[in-house]
PDB file of N, CA and C in Angstrom:
ATOM      1  N   MET A   1    -100.512-164.356   9.012  1.00  0.00           N
ATOM      2  CA  MET A   1     -99.830-165.241   9.881  1.00  0.00           C
ATOM      3  C   MET A   1     -98.556-164.643  10.415  1.00  0.00           C
ATOM      4  N   ARG A   2     -98.279-165.016  11.588  1.00  0.00           N
ATOM      5  CA  ARG A   2     -97.128-164.495  12.272  1.00  0.00           C
ATOM      6  C   ARG A   2     -95.999-165.540  12.289  1.00  0.00           C
ATOM      7  N   THR A   3     -94.775-165.135  12.017  1.00  0.00           N
ATOM      8  CA  THR A   3     -93.655-166.079  12.083  1.00  0.00           C
ATOM      9  C   THR A   3     -93.015-166.001  13.462  1.00  0.00           C
ATOM     10  N   VAL A   4     -92.669-167.159  13.910  1.00  0.00           N
ATOM     11  CA  VAL A   4     -92.056-167.244  15.240  1.00  0.00           C
ATOM     12  C   VAL A   4     -90.575-167.566  15.050  1.00  0.00           C
ATOM     13  N   THR A   5     -89.729-166.779  15.667  1.00  0.00           N
ATOM     14  CA  THR A   5     -88.295-167.065  15.623  1.00  0.00           C
ATOM     15  C   THR A   5     -87.865-167.567  16.984  1.00  0.00           C
ATOM     16  N   LYS A   6     -87.061-168.585  16.929  1.00  0.00           N
ATOM     17  CA  LYS A   6     -86.564-169.147  18.191  1.00  0.00           C
ATOM     18  C   LYS A   6     -85.295-168.406  18.597  1.00  0.00           C
ATOM     19  N   ILE A   7     -85.193-168.116  19.851  1.00  0.00           N
ATOM     20  CA  ILE A   7     -84.000-167.470  20.392  1.00  0.00           C
ATOM     21  C   ILE A   7     -83.157-168.544  21.043  1.00  0.00           C
ATOM     22  N   LYS A   8     -81.917-168.620  20.597  1.00  0.00           N
ATOM     23  CA  LYS A   8     -81.011-169.626  21.165  1.00  0.00           C
ATOM     24  C   LYS A   8     -80.494-169.156  22.507  1.00  0.00           C
ATOM     25  N   LYS A   9     -80.365-170.129  23.411  1.00  0.00           N
ATOM     26  CA  LYS A   9     -79.783-169.811  24.716  1.00  0.00           C
ATOM     27  C   LYS A   9     -78.278-169.656  24.547  1.00  0.00           C
ATOM     28  N   PRO A  10     -77.688-168.783  25.346  1.00  0.00           N
ATOM     29  CA  PRO A  10     -76.234-168.619  25.231  1.00  0.00           C
ATOM     30  C   PRO A  10     -75.517-169.908  25.652  1.00  0.00           C
ATOM     31  N   VAL A  11     -74.456-170.194  24.965  1.00  0.00           N
ATOM     32  CA  VAL A  11     -73.662-171.384  25.274  1.00  0.00           C
ATOM     33  C   VAL A  11     -72.870-171.117  26.541  1.00  0.00           C
ATOM     34  N   LYS A  12     -72.880-172.098  27.422  1.00  0.00           N
ATOM     35  CA  LYS A  12     -72.126-171.929  28.669  1.00  0.00           C
ATOM     36  C   LYS A  12     -70.642-172.098  28.398  1.00  0.00           C
ATOM     37  N   THR A  13     -69.872-171.243  29.007  1.00  0.00           N
ATOM     38  CA  THR A  13     -68.430-171.341  28.860  1.00  0.00           C
ATOM     39  C   THR A  13     -67.869-172.123  30.032  1.00  0.00           C
ATOM     40  N   ALA A  14     -66.581-172.370  29.975  1.00  0.00           N
ATOM     41  CA  ALA A  14     -65.929-173.145  31.031  1.00  0.00           C
ATOM     42  C   ALA A  14     -66.060-172.453  32.389  1.00  0.00           C
ATOM     43  N   ARG A  15     -66.160-171.141  32.384  1.00  0.00           N
ATOM     44  CA  ARG A  15     -66.259-170.417  33.651  1.00  0.00           C
ATOM     45  C   ARG A  15     -67.632-170.592  34.305  1.00  0.00           C
ATOM     46  N   THR A  16     -68.631-170.782  33.495  1.00  0.00           N
ATOM     47  CA  THR A  16     -69.974-170.855  34.067  1.00  0.00           C
ATOM     48  C   THR A  16     -70.441-172.275  34.338  1.00  0.00           C
ATOM     49  N   THR A  17     -69.684-173.276  33.854  1.00  0.00           N
ATOM     50  CA  THR A  17     -70.107-174.658  34.086  1.00  0.00           C
ATOM     51  C   THR A  17     -69.391-175.220  35.293  1.00  0.00           C
ATOM     52  N   LYS A  18     -69.992-176.224  35.865  1.00  0.00           N
ATOM     53  CA  LYS A  18     -69.378-176.888  37.013  1.00  0.00           C
ATOM     54  C   LYS A  18     -68.363-177.909  36.515  1.00  0.00           C
ATOM     55  N   ALA A  19     -67.406-178.230  37.366  1.00  0.00           N
ATOM     56  CA  ALA A  19     -66.399-179.231  37.012  1.00  0.00           C
ATOM     57  C   ALA A  19     -67.080-180.590  36.866  1.00  0.00           C
ATOM     58  N   ILE A  20     -66.674-181.309  35.865  1.00  0.00           N
ATOM     59  CA  ILE A  20     -67.241-182.633  35.636  1.00  0.00           C
ATOM     60  C   ILE A  20     -66.454-183.643  36.456  1.00  0.00           C
ATOM     61  N   LYS A  21     -67.136-184.383  37.252  1.00  0.00           N
ATOM     62  CA  LYS A  21     -66.488-185.390  38.081  1.00  0.00           C
ATOM     63  C   LYS A  21     -66.496-186.714  37.332  1.00  0.00           C
ATOM     64  N   PRO A  22     -65.392-187.476  37.401  1.00  0.00           N
ATOM     65  CA  PRO A  22     -65.378-188.764  36.716  1.00  0.00           C
ATOM     66  C   PRO A  22     -66.344-189.743  37.398  1.00  0.00           C
ATOM     67  N   THR A  23     -66.946-190.572  36.593  1.00  0.00           N
ATOM     68  CA  THR A  23     -67.839-191.584  37.158  1.00  0.00           C
ATOM     69  C   THR A  23     -67.009-192.718  37.734  1.00  0.00           C
ATOM     70  N   LYS A  24     -67.655-193.628  38.413  1.00  0.00           N
ATOM     71  CA  LYS A  24     -66.935-194.736  39.043  1.00  0.00           C
ATOM     72  C   LYS A  24     -66.265-195.645  38.023  1.00  0.00           C
ATOM     73  N   THR A  25     -66.798-195.714  36.826  1.00  0.00           N
ATOM     74  CA  THR A  25     -66.222-196.601  35.813  1.00  0.00           C
ATOM     75  C   THR A  25     -65.046-195.975  35.074  1.00  0.00           C
ATOM     76  N   GLU A  26     -64.905-194.652  35.134  1.00  0.00           N
ATOM     77  CA  GLU A  26     -63.797-193.986  34.459  1.00  0.00           C
ATOM     78  C   GLU A  26     -62.534-194.062  35.313  1.00  0.00           C
ATOM     79  N   LYS A  27     -61.418-194.222  34.651  1.00  0.00           N
ATOM     80  CA  LYS A  27     -60.140-194.295  35.356  1.00  0.00           C
ATOM     81  C   LYS A  27     -59.452-192.940  35.316  1.00  0.00           C
ATOM     82  N   LYS A  28     -58.671-192.679  36.342  1.00  0.00           N
ATOM     83  CA  LYS A  28     -57.881-191.460  36.388  1.00  0.00           C
ATOM     84  C   LYS A  28     -56.712-191.605  35.423  1.00  0.00           C
ATOM     85  N   VAL A  29     -56.400-190.543  34.731  1.00  0.00           N
ATOM     86  CA  VAL A  29     -55.258-190.537  33.835  1.00  0.00           C
ATOM     87  C   VAL A  29     -54.073-189.968  34.599  1.00  0.00           C
ATOM     88  N   THR A  30     -52.969-190.698  34.599  1.00  0.00           N
ATOM     89  CA  THR A  30     -51.763-190.207  35.262  1.00  0.00           C
ATOM     90  C   THR A  30     -50.642-190.113  34.237  1.00  0.00           C
ATOM     91  N   PHE A  31     -49.752-189.201  34.469  1.00  0.00           N
ATOM     92  CA  PHE A  31     -48.611-189.000  33.598  1.00  0.00           C
ATOM     93  C   PHE A  31     -47.346-189.231  34.397  1.00  0.00           C
ATOM     94  N   SER A  32     -46.363-189.824  33.752  1.00  0.00           N
ATOM     95  CA  SER A  32     -45.080-190.011  34.415  1.00  0.00           C
ATOM     96  C   SER A  32     -44.027-189.189  33.669  1.00  0.00           C
ATOM     97  N   LYS A  33     -42.961-188.901  34.365  1.00  0.00           N
ATOM     98  CA  LYS A  33     -41.892-188.117  33.777  1.00  0.00           C
ATOM     99  C   LYS A  33     -41.182-188.955  32.709  1.00  0.00           C
ATOM    100  N   TRP A  34     -40.894-188.349  31.565  1.00  0.00           N
ATOM    101  CA  TRP A  34     -40.228-189.057  30.484  1.00  0.00           C
ATOM    102  C   TRP A  34     -38.784-189.316  30.857  1.00  0.00           C
ATOM    103  N   ASP A  35     -38.332-190.539  30.627  1.00  0.00           N
ATOM    104  CA  ASP A  35     -36.968-190.915  30.950  1.00  0.00           C
ATOM    105  C   ASP A  35     -36.243-191.280  29.662  1.00  0.00           C
ATOM    106  N   PRO A  36     -35.276-190.468  29.233  1.00  0.00           N
ATOM    107  CA  PRO A  36     -34.556-190.766  27.990  1.00  0.00           C
ATOM    108  C   PRO A  36     -33.827-192.105  28.032  1.00  0.00           C
ATOM    109  N   ALA A  37     -33.464-192.572  29.217  1.00  0.00           N
ATOM    110  CA  ALA A  37     -32.739-193.838  29.334  1.00  0.00           C
ATOM    111  C   ALA A  37     -33.561-195.003  28.790  1.00  0.00           C
ATOM    112  N   GLU A  38     -34.879-194.852  28.741  1.00  0.00           N
ATOM    113  CA  GLU A  38     -35.742-195.932  28.256  1.00  0.00           C
ATOM    114  C   GLU A  38     -35.618-196.152  26.752  1.00  0.00           C
ATOM    115  N   ILE A  39     -35.214-195.139  26.005  1.00  0.00           N
ATOM    116  CA  ILE A  39     -35.142-195.304  24.550  1.00  0.00           C
ATOM    117  C   ILE A  39     -33.713-195.404  24.025  1.00  0.00           C
ATOM    118  N   ILE A  40     -32.725-195.269  24.891  1.00  0.00           N
ATOM    119  CA  ILE A  40     -31.333-195.401  24.451  1.00  0.00           C
ATOM    120  C   ILE A  40     -30.989-196.894  24.523  1.00  0.00           C
ATOM    121  N   THR A  41     -31.390-197.624  23.501  1.00  0.00           N
ATOM    122  CA  THR A  41     -31.266-199.078  23.550  1.00  0.00           C
ATOM    123  C   THR A  41     -30.235-199.634  22.578  1.00  0.00           C
ATOM    124  N   THR A  42     -29.792-198.847  21.623  1.00  0.00           N
ATOM    125  CA  THR A  42     -28.827-199.340  20.642  1.00  0.00           C
ATOM    126  C   THR A  42     -27.598-198.433  20.627  1.00  0.00           C
ATOM    127  N   LYS A  43     -26.527-198.952  20.086  1.00  0.00           N
ATOM    128  CA  LYS A  43     -25.285-198.183  19.964  1.00  0.00           C
ATOM    129  C   LYS A  43     -25.503-196.940  19.106  1.00  0.00           C
ATOM    130  N   GLY A  44     -26.322-197.074  18.064  1.00  0.00           N
ATOM    131  CA  GLY A  44     -26.622-195.932  17.198  1.00  0.00           C
ATOM    132  C   GLY A  44     -27.315-194.811  17.950  1.00  0.00           C
ATOM    133  N   ARG A  45     -28.253-195.177  18.833  1.00  0.00           N
ATOM    134  CA  ARG A  45     -28.946-194.156  19.625  1.00  0.00           C
ATOM    135  C   ARG A  45     -28.013-193.517  20.640  1.00  0.00           C
ATOM    136  N   VAL A  46     -27.116-194.313  21.207  1.00  0.00           N
ATOM    137  CA  VAL A  46     -26.134-193.764  22.157  1.00  0.00           C
ATOM    138  C   VAL A  46     -25.311-192.690  21.457  1.00  0.00           C
ATOM    139  N   ILE A  47     -24.813-193.022  20.275  1.00  0.00           N
ATOM    140  CA  ILE A  47     -23.978-192.081  19.529  1.00  0.00           C
ATOM    141  C   ILE A  47     -24.787-190.845  19.124  1.00  0.00           C
ATOM    142  N   ALA A  48     -26.027-191.050  18.691  1.00  0.00           N
ATOM    143  CA  ALA A  48     -26.869-189.915  18.300  1.00  0.00           C
ATOM    144  C   ALA A  48     -27.115-188.983  19.484  1.00  0.00           C
ATOM    145  N   PHE A  49     -27.402-189.559  20.660  1.00  0.00           N
ATOM    146  CA  PHE A  49     -27.624-188.737  21.853  1.00  0.00           C
ATOM    147  C   PHE A  49     -26.363-187.944  22.194  1.00  0.00           C
ATOM    148  N   LEU A  50     -25.211-188.586  22.149  1.00  0.00           N
ATOM    149  CA  LEU A  50     -23.963-187.894  22.475  1.00  0.00           C
ATOM    150  C   LEU A  50     -23.647-186.799  21.462  1.00  0.00           C
ATOM    151  N   GLU A  51     -23.857-187.078  20.178  1.00  0.00           N
ATOM    152  CA  GLU A  51     -23.583-186.059  19.168  1.00  0.00           C
ATOM    153  C   GLU A  51     -24.484-184.839  19.345  1.00  0.00           C
ATOM    154  N   GLU A  52     -25.754-185.077  19.649  1.00  0.00           N
ATOM    155  CA  GLU A  52     -26.669-183.953  19.878  1.00  0.00           C
ATOM    156  C   GLU A  52     -26.263-183.157  21.119  1.00  0.00           C
ATOM    157  N   ALA A  53     -25.844-183.867  22.170  1.00  0.00           N
ATOM    158  CA  ALA A  53     -25.410-183.183  23.395  1.00  0.00           C
ATOM    159  C   ALA A  53     -24.160-182.352  23.131  1.00  0.00           C
ATOM    160  N   LEU A  54     -23.245-182.871  22.330  1.00  0.00           N
ATOM    161  CA  LEU A  54     -22.040-182.111  21.992  1.00  0.00           C
ATOM    162  C   LEU A  54     -22.375-180.880  21.156  1.00  0.00           C
ATOM    163  N   GLU A  55     -23.378-180.958  20.308  1.00  0.00           N
ATOM    164  CA  GLU A  55     -23.799-179.819  19.490  1.00  0.00           C
ATOM    165  C   GLU A  55     -24.313-178.660  20.348  1.00  0.00           C
ATOM    166  N   GLU A  56     -24.867-178.975  21.510  1.00  0.00           N
ATOM    167  CA  GLU A  56     -25.395-177.939  22.398  1.00  0.00           C
ATOM    168  C   GLU A  56     -24.293-177.086  23.012  1.00  0.00           C
ATOM    169  N   ASN A  57     -23.066-177.630  23.040  1.00  0.00           N
ATOM    170  CA  ASN A  57     -21.909-176.921  23.591  1.00  0.00           C
ATOM    171  C   ASN A  57     -22.135-176.521  25.057  1.00  0.00           C
ATOM    172  N   ASP A  58     -22.748-177.413  25.817  1.00  0.00           N
ATOM    173  CA  ASP A  58     -23.047-177.185  27.232  1.00  0.00           C
ATOM    174  C   ASP A  58     -22.519-178.374  28.021  1.00  0.00           C
ATOM    175  N   PRO A  59     -21.448-178.194  28.802  1.00  0.00           N
ATOM    176  CA  PRO A  59     -20.855-179.320  29.526  1.00  0.00           C
ATOM    177  C   PRO A  59     -21.819-179.995  30.505  1.00  0.00           C
ATOM    178  N   ASP A  60     -22.676-179.212  31.152  1.00  0.00           N
ATOM    179  CA  ASP A  60     -23.640-179.812  32.088  1.00  0.00           C
ATOM    180  C   ASP A  60     -24.630-180.715  31.355  1.00  0.00           C
ATOM    181  N   PHE A  61     -25.092-180.266  30.199  1.00  0.00           N
ATOM    182  CA  PHE A  61     -26.018-181.063  29.405  1.00  0.00           C
ATOM    183  C   PHE A  61     -25.342-182.337  28.906  1.00  0.00           C
ATOM    184  N   LEU A  62     -24.074-182.236  28.524  1.00  0.00           N
ATOM    185  CA  LEU A  62     -23.319-183.406  28.075  1.00  0.00           C
ATOM    186  C   LEU A  62     -23.196-184.435  29.198  1.00  0.00           C
ATOM    187  N   LEU A  63     -22.859-183.965  30.401  1.00  0.00           N
ATOM    188  CA  LEU A  63     -22.738-184.886  31.533  1.00  0.00           C
ATOM    189  C   LEU A  63     -24.080-185.525  31.883  1.00  0.00           C
ATOM    190  N   GLU A  64     -25.147-184.751  31.796  1.00  0.00           N
ATOM    191  CA  GLU A  64     -26.476-185.303  32.057  1.00  0.00           C
ATOM    192  C   GLU A  64     -26.822-186.378  31.022  1.00  0.00           C
ATOM    193  N   THR A  65     -26.468-186.132  29.767  1.00  0.00           N
ATOM    194  CA  THR A  65     -26.712-187.109  28.706  1.00  0.00           C
ATOM    195  C   THR A  65     -25.904-188.376  28.945  1.00  0.00           C
ATOM    196  N   ILE A  66     -24.660-188.244  29.340  1.00  0.00           N
ATOM    197  CA  ILE A  66     -23.834-189.411  29.648  1.00  0.00           C
ATOM    198  C   ILE A  66     -24.444-190.184  30.809  1.00  0.00           C
ATOM    199  N   GLY A  67     -25.001-189.474  31.776  1.00  0.00           N
ATOM    200  CA  GLY A  67     -25.686-190.137  32.897  1.00  0.00           C
ATOM    201  C   GLY A  67     -26.896-190.938  32.438  1.00  0.00           C
ATOM    202  N   HIS A  68     -27.682-190.375  31.495  1.00  0.00           N
ATOM    203  CA  HIS A  68     -28.828-191.106  30.942  1.00  0.00           C
ATOM    204  C   HIS A  68     -28.366-192.376  30.231  1.00  0.00           C
ATOM    205  N   ILE A  69     -27.277-192.256  29.491  1.00  0.00           N
ATOM    206  CA  ILE A  69     -26.746-193.414  28.773  1.00  0.00           C
ATOM    207  C   ILE A  69     -26.284-194.484  29.760  1.00  0.00           C
ATOM    208  N   ALA A  70     -25.614-194.050  30.816  1.00  0.00           N
ATOM    209  CA  ALA A  70     -25.164-195.007  31.841  1.00  0.00           C
ATOM    210  C   ALA A  70     -26.354-195.717  32.488  1.00  0.00           C
ATOM    211  N   ARG A  71     -27.422-194.963  32.781  1.00  0.00           N
ATOM    212  CA  ARG A  71     -28.607-195.585  33.372  1.00  0.00           C
ATOM    213  C   ARG A  71     -29.252-196.580  32.418  1.00  0.00           C
ATOM    214  N   SER A  72     -29.178-196.292  31.122  1.00  0.00           N
ATOM    215  CA  SER A  72     -29.783-197.202  30.147  1.00  0.00           C
ATOM    216  C   SER A  72     -29.032-198.529  30.090  1.00  0.00           C
ATOM    217  N   LYS A  73     -27.765-198.512  30.443  1.00  0.00           N
ATOM    218  CA  LYS A  73     -26.950-199.731  30.411  1.00  0.00           C
ATOM    219  C   LYS A  73     -26.894-200.439  31.760  1.00  0.00           C
ATOM    220  N   GLY A  74     -27.386-199.780  32.809  1.00  0.00           N
ATOM    221  CA  GLY A  74     -27.393-200.380  34.140  1.00  0.00           C
ATOM    222  C   GLY A  74     -26.327-199.765  35.030  1.00  0.00           C
ATOM    223  N   MET A  75     -26.754-198.930  35.944  1.00  0.00           N
ATOM    224  CA  MET A  75     -25.816-198.201  36.810  1.00  0.00           C
ATOM    225  C   MET A  75     -25.026-199.145  37.718  1.00  0.00           C
ATOM    226  N   ALA A  76     -25.661-200.176  38.229  1.00  0.00           N
ATOM    227  CA  ALA A  76     -24.969-201.088  39.154  1.00  0.00           C
ATOM    228  C   ALA A  76     -23.813-201.769  38.442  1.00  0.00           C
ATOM    229  N   LYS A  77     -24.058-202.243  37.232  1.00  0.00           N
ATOM    230  CA  LYS A  77     -23.019-202.933  36.452  1.00  0.00           C
ATOM    231  C   LYS A  77     -21.866-201.978  36.138  1.00  0.00           C
ATOM    232  N   ILE A  78     -22.209-200.779  35.686  1.00  0.00           N
ATOM    233  CA  ILE A  78     -21.176-199.801  35.340  1.00  0.00           C
ATOM    234  C   ILE A  78     -20.405-199.356  36.576  1.00  0.00           C
ATOM    235  N   ALA A  79     -21.104-199.174  37.689  1.00  0.00           N
ATOM    236  CA  ALA A  79     -20.433-198.769  38.934  1.00  0.00           C
ATOM    237  C   ALA A  79     -19.413-199.821  39.356  1.00  0.00           C
ATOM    238  N   ARG A  80     -19.773-201.108  39.226  1.00  0.00           N
ATOM    239  CA  ARG A  80     -18.813-202.177  39.571  1.00  0.00           C
ATOM    240  C   ARG A  80     -17.582-202.096  38.685  1.00  0.00           C
ATOM    241  N   GLU A  81     -17.780-201.867  37.393  1.00  0.00           N
ATOM    242  CA  GLU A  81     -16.650-201.798  36.468  1.00  0.00           C
ATOM    243  C   GLU A  81     -15.785-200.562  36.710  1.00  0.00           C
ATOM    244  N   LEU A  82     -16.393-199.500  37.237  1.00  0.00           N
ATOM    245  CA  LEU A  82     -15.643-198.275  37.547  1.00  0.00           C
ATOM    246  C   LEU A  82     -15.048-198.291  38.948  1.00  0.00           C
ATOM    247  N   ASN A  83     -15.351-199.339  39.710  1.00  0.00           N
ATOM    248  CA  ASN A  83     -14.939-199.443  41.115  1.00  0.00           C
ATOM    249  C   ASN A  83     -15.506-198.288  41.940  1.00  0.00           C
ATOM    250  N   LEU A  84     -16.765-197.952  41.674  1.00  0.00           N
ATOM    251  CA  LEU A  84     -17.491-196.939  42.434  1.00  0.00           C
ATOM    252  C   LEU A  84     -18.748-197.580  42.993  1.00  0.00           C
ATOM    253  N   ASP A  85     -19.347-196.941  43.988  1.00  0.00           N
ATOM    254  CA  ASP A  85     -20.657-197.432  44.433  1.00  0.00           C
ATOM    255  C   ASP A  85     -21.730-196.806  43.537  1.00  0.00           C
ATOM    256  N   ARG A  86     -22.851-197.483  43.419  1.00  0.00           N
ATOM    257  CA  ARG A  86     -23.931-197.071  42.531  1.00  0.00           C
ATOM    258  C   ARG A  86     -24.449-195.672  42.882  1.00  0.00           C
ATOM    259  N   VAL A  87     -24.620-195.412  44.172  1.00  0.00           N
ATOM    260  CA  VAL A  87     -25.136-194.108  44.612  1.00  0.00           C
ATOM    261  C   VAL A  87     -24.161-192.992  44.220  1.00  0.00           C
ATOM    262  N   GLY A  88     -22.877-193.255  44.381  1.00  0.00           N
ATOM    263  CA  GLY A  88     -21.872-192.267  44.005  1.00  0.00           C
ATOM    264  C   GLY A  88     -21.895-191.962  42.513  1.00  0.00           C
ATOM    265  N   LEU A  89     -22.142-193.002  41.719  1.00  0.00           N
ATOM    266  CA  LEU A  89     -22.217-192.800  40.273  1.00  0.00           C
ATOM    267  C   LEU A  89     -23.449-191.972  39.909  1.00  0.00           C
ATOM    268  N   TYR A  90     -24.576-192.267  40.558  1.00  0.00           N
ATOM    269  CA  TYR A  90     -25.783-191.457  40.328  1.00  0.00           C
ATOM    270  C   TYR A  90     -25.527-189.996  40.679  1.00  0.00           C
ATOM    271  N   LYS A  91     -24.865-189.755  41.827  1.00  0.00           N
ATOM    272  CA  LYS A  91     -24.589-188.382  42.255  1.00  0.00           C
ATOM    273  C   LYS A  91     -23.646-187.678  41.280  1.00  0.00           C
ATOM    274  N   SER A  92     -22.670-188.426  40.746  1.00  0.00           N
ATOM    275  CA  SER A  92     -21.715-187.826  39.816  1.00  0.00           C
ATOM    276  C   SER A  92     -22.390-187.260  38.578  1.00  0.00           C
ATOM    277  N   PHE A  93     -23.401-187.979  38.069  1.00  0.00           N
ATOM    278  CA  PHE A  93     -24.043-187.559  36.834  1.00  0.00           C
ATOM    279  C   PHE A  93     -25.395-186.894  37.054  1.00  0.00           C
ATOM    280  N   ALA A  94     -25.687-186.529  38.288  1.00  0.00           N
ATOM    281  CA  ALA A  94     -26.897-185.747  38.584  1.00  0.00           C
ATOM    282  C   ALA A  94     -26.682-184.331  38.047  1.00  0.00           C
ATOM    283  N   PRO A  95     -27.767-183.562  37.866  1.00  0.00           N
ATOM    284  CA  PRO A  95     -27.598-182.193  37.330  1.00  0.00           C
ATOM    285  C   PRO A  95     -26.616-181.330  38.116  1.00  0.00           C
ATOM    286  N   ASP A  96     -26.497-181.527  39.416  1.00  0.00           N
ATOM    287  CA  ASP A  96     -25.545-180.734  40.195  1.00  0.00           C
ATOM    288  C   ASP A  96     -24.259-181.508  40.479  1.00  0.00           C
ATOM    289  N   GLY A  97     -24.080-182.660  39.852  1.00  0.00           N
ATOM    290  CA  GLY A  97     -22.888-183.485  40.052  1.00  0.00           C
ATOM    291  C   GLY A  97     -21.687-182.924  39.314  1.00  0.00           C
ATOM    292  N   ASN A  98     -20.522-183.435  39.666  1.00  0.00           N
ATOM    293  CA  ASN A  98     -19.292-182.970  39.033  1.00  0.00           C
ATOM    294  C   ASN A  98     -18.315-184.142  38.945  1.00  0.00           C
ATOM    295  N   PRO A  99     -18.539-185.067  37.995  1.00  0.00           N
ATOM    296  CA  PRO A  99     -17.632-186.215  37.902  1.00  0.00           C
ATOM    297  C   PRO A  99     -16.266-185.774  37.389  1.00  0.00           C
ATOM    298  N   SER A 100     -15.260-186.522  37.773  1.00  0.00           N
ATOM    299  CA  SER A 100     -13.917-186.203  37.284  1.00  0.00           C
ATOM    300  C   SER A 100     -13.808-186.601  35.816  1.00  0.00           C
ATOM    301  N   PHE A 101     -12.851-186.033  35.148  1.00  0.00           N
ATOM    302  CA  PHE A 101     -12.613-186.375  33.751  1.00  0.00           C
ATOM    303  C   PHE A 101     -12.264-187.851  33.636  1.00  0.00           C
ATOM    304  N   LYS A 102     -11.539-188.334  34.607  1.00  0.00           N
ATOM    305  CA  LYS A 102     -11.139-189.750  34.627  1.00  0.00           C
ATOM    306  C   LYS A 102     -12.374-190.658  34.662  1.00  0.00           C
ATOM    307  N   THR A 103     -13.361-190.302  35.472  1.00  0.00           N
ATOM    308  CA  THR A 103     -14.597-191.089  35.561  1.00  0.00           C
ATOM    309  C   THR A 103     -15.339-191.069  34.237  1.00  0.00           C
ATOM    310  N   VAL A 104     -15.454-189.906  33.621  1.00  0.00           N
ATOM    311  CA  VAL A 104     -16.145-189.783  32.330  1.00  0.00           C
ATOM    312  C   VAL A 104     -15.409-190.600  31.271  1.00  0.00           C
ATOM    313  N   TYR A 105     -14.102-190.481  31.253  1.00  0.00           N
ATOM    314  CA  TYR A 105     -13.289-191.194  30.267  1.00  0.00           C
ATOM    315  C   TYR A 105     -13.448-192.709  30.419  1.00  0.00           C
ATOM    316  N   LYS A 106     -13.380-193.192  31.671  1.00  0.00           N
ATOM    317  CA  LYS A 106     -13.544-194.630  31.922  1.00  0.00           C
ATOM    318  C   LYS A 106     -14.948-195.099  31.556  1.00  0.00           C
ATOM    319  N   LEU A 107     -15.946-194.292  31.862  1.00  0.00           N
ATOM    320  CA  LEU A 107     -17.325-194.650  31.547  1.00  0.00           C
ATOM    321  C   LEU A 107     -17.518-194.791  30.038  1.00  0.00           C
ATOM    322  N   LEU A 108     -16.981-193.841  29.271  1.00  0.00           N
ATOM    323  CA  LEU A 108     -17.082-193.934  27.816  1.00  0.00           C
ATOM    324  C   LEU A 108     -16.373-195.179  27.303  1.00  0.00           C
ATOM    325  N   ASP A 109     -15.251-195.530  27.911  1.00  0.00           N
ATOM    326  CA  ASP A 109     -14.528-196.743  27.532  1.00  0.00           C
ATOM    327  C   ASP A 109     -15.378-197.983  27.810  1.00  0.00           C
ATOM    328  N   ILE A 110     -16.018-198.037  28.958  1.00  0.00           N
ATOM    329  CA  ILE A 110     -16.889-199.159  29.318  1.00  0.00           C
ATOM    330  C   ILE A 110     -18.041-199.281  28.324  1.00  0.00           C
ATOM    331  N   LEU A 111     -18.552-198.135  27.863  1.00  0.00           N
ATOM    332  CA  LEU A 111     -19.644-198.132  26.899  1.00  0.00           C
ATOM    333  C   LEU A 111     -19.179-198.456  25.480  1.00  0.00           C
ATOM    334  N   GLY A 112     -17.862-198.641  25.317  1.00  0.00           N
ATOM    335  CA  GLY A 112     -17.322-198.974  24.005  1.00  0.00           C
ATOM    336  C   GLY A 112     -17.156-197.768  23.112  1.00  0.00           C
ATOM    337  N   LEU A 113     -16.963-196.602  23.723  1.00  0.00           N
ATOM    338  CA  LEU A 113     -16.815-195.363  22.971  1.00  0.00           C
ATOM    339  C   LEU A 113     -15.457-194.743  23.257  1.00  0.00           C
ATOM    340  N   ARG A 114     -15.020-193.882  22.355  1.00  0.00           N
ATOM    341  CA  ARG A 114     -13.793-193.130  22.594  1.00  0.00           C
ATOM    342  C   ARG A 114     -14.005-191.703  22.144  1.00  0.00           C
ATOM    343  N   MET A 115     -13.239-190.810  22.706  1.00  0.00           N
ATOM    344  CA  MET A 115     -13.336-189.404  22.344  1.00  0.00           C
ATOM    345  C   MET A 115     -12.431-189.113  21.167  1.00  0.00           C
ATOM    346  N   LYS A 116     -12.909-188.256  20.313  1.00  0.00           N
ATOM    347  CA  LYS A 116     -12.131-187.840  19.161  1.00  0.00           C
ATOM    348  C   LYS A 116     -12.280-186.329  19.034  1.00  0.00           C
ATOM    349  N   LEU A 117     -11.177-185.648  18.911  1.00  0.00           N
ATOM    350  CA  LEU A 117     -11.213-184.192  18.800  1.00  0.00           C
ATOM    351  C   LEU A 117     -11.039-183.788  17.344  1.00  0.00           C
ATOM    352  N   GLU A 118     -11.699-182.704  16.995  1.00  0.00           N
ATOM    353  CA  GLU A 118     -11.520-182.145  15.667  1.00  0.00           C
ATOM    354  C   GLU A 118     -11.545-180.626  15.773  1.00  0.00           C
ATOM    355  N   GLN A 119     -10.929-179.986  14.843  1.00  0.00           N
ATOM    356  CA  GLN A 119     -10.870-178.533  14.845  1.00  0.00           C
ATOM    357  C   GLN A 119     -12.224-177.958  14.494  1.00  0.00           C
ATOM    358  N   LYS A 120     -12.579-176.866  15.192  1.00  0.00           N
ATOM    359  CA  LYS A 120     -13.839-176.163  14.873  1.00  0.00           C
ATOM    360  C   LYS A 120     -13.774-175.591  13.492  1.00  0.00           C
ATOM    361  N   SER A 121     -14.903-175.612  12.815  1.00  0.00           N
ATOM    362  CA  SER A 121     -14.942-174.968  11.499  1.00  0.00           C
ATOM    363  C   SER A 121     -15.142-173.472  11.691  1.00  0.00           C
ATOM    364  N   ALA A 122     -14.491-172.714  10.863  1.00  0.00           N
ATOM    365  CA  ALA A 122     -14.525-171.251  11.003  1.00  0.00           C
ATOM    366  C   ALA A 122     -15.839-170.660  10.601  1.00  0.00           C
TER     367      ALA A 122
END
């Protein structure tokens, strides 16, 4: 008697297969950009975000973080308290923005925060 061995067909790779099209019942998956302002909801998180930004030792990153915190509290409300327009406040804390120290200081005051300096450890 003769034994028969089956030869397996090669497995198709991604290069040799056609793209799979979604059926009418399948939904498209979309992704949105993550917004840190959505999770800065408590005073503890505000402080944690600021402390982490200060650890980076990057002034631009710190200003961007302060902008996220301001957005989490409502830019229109904060702009009114700062006597600025909302668009101007957004521009100040945009990545290419340059808010004055006075604006940053007032914003931190509105958020119920104050700056404290300490000597660097050697």
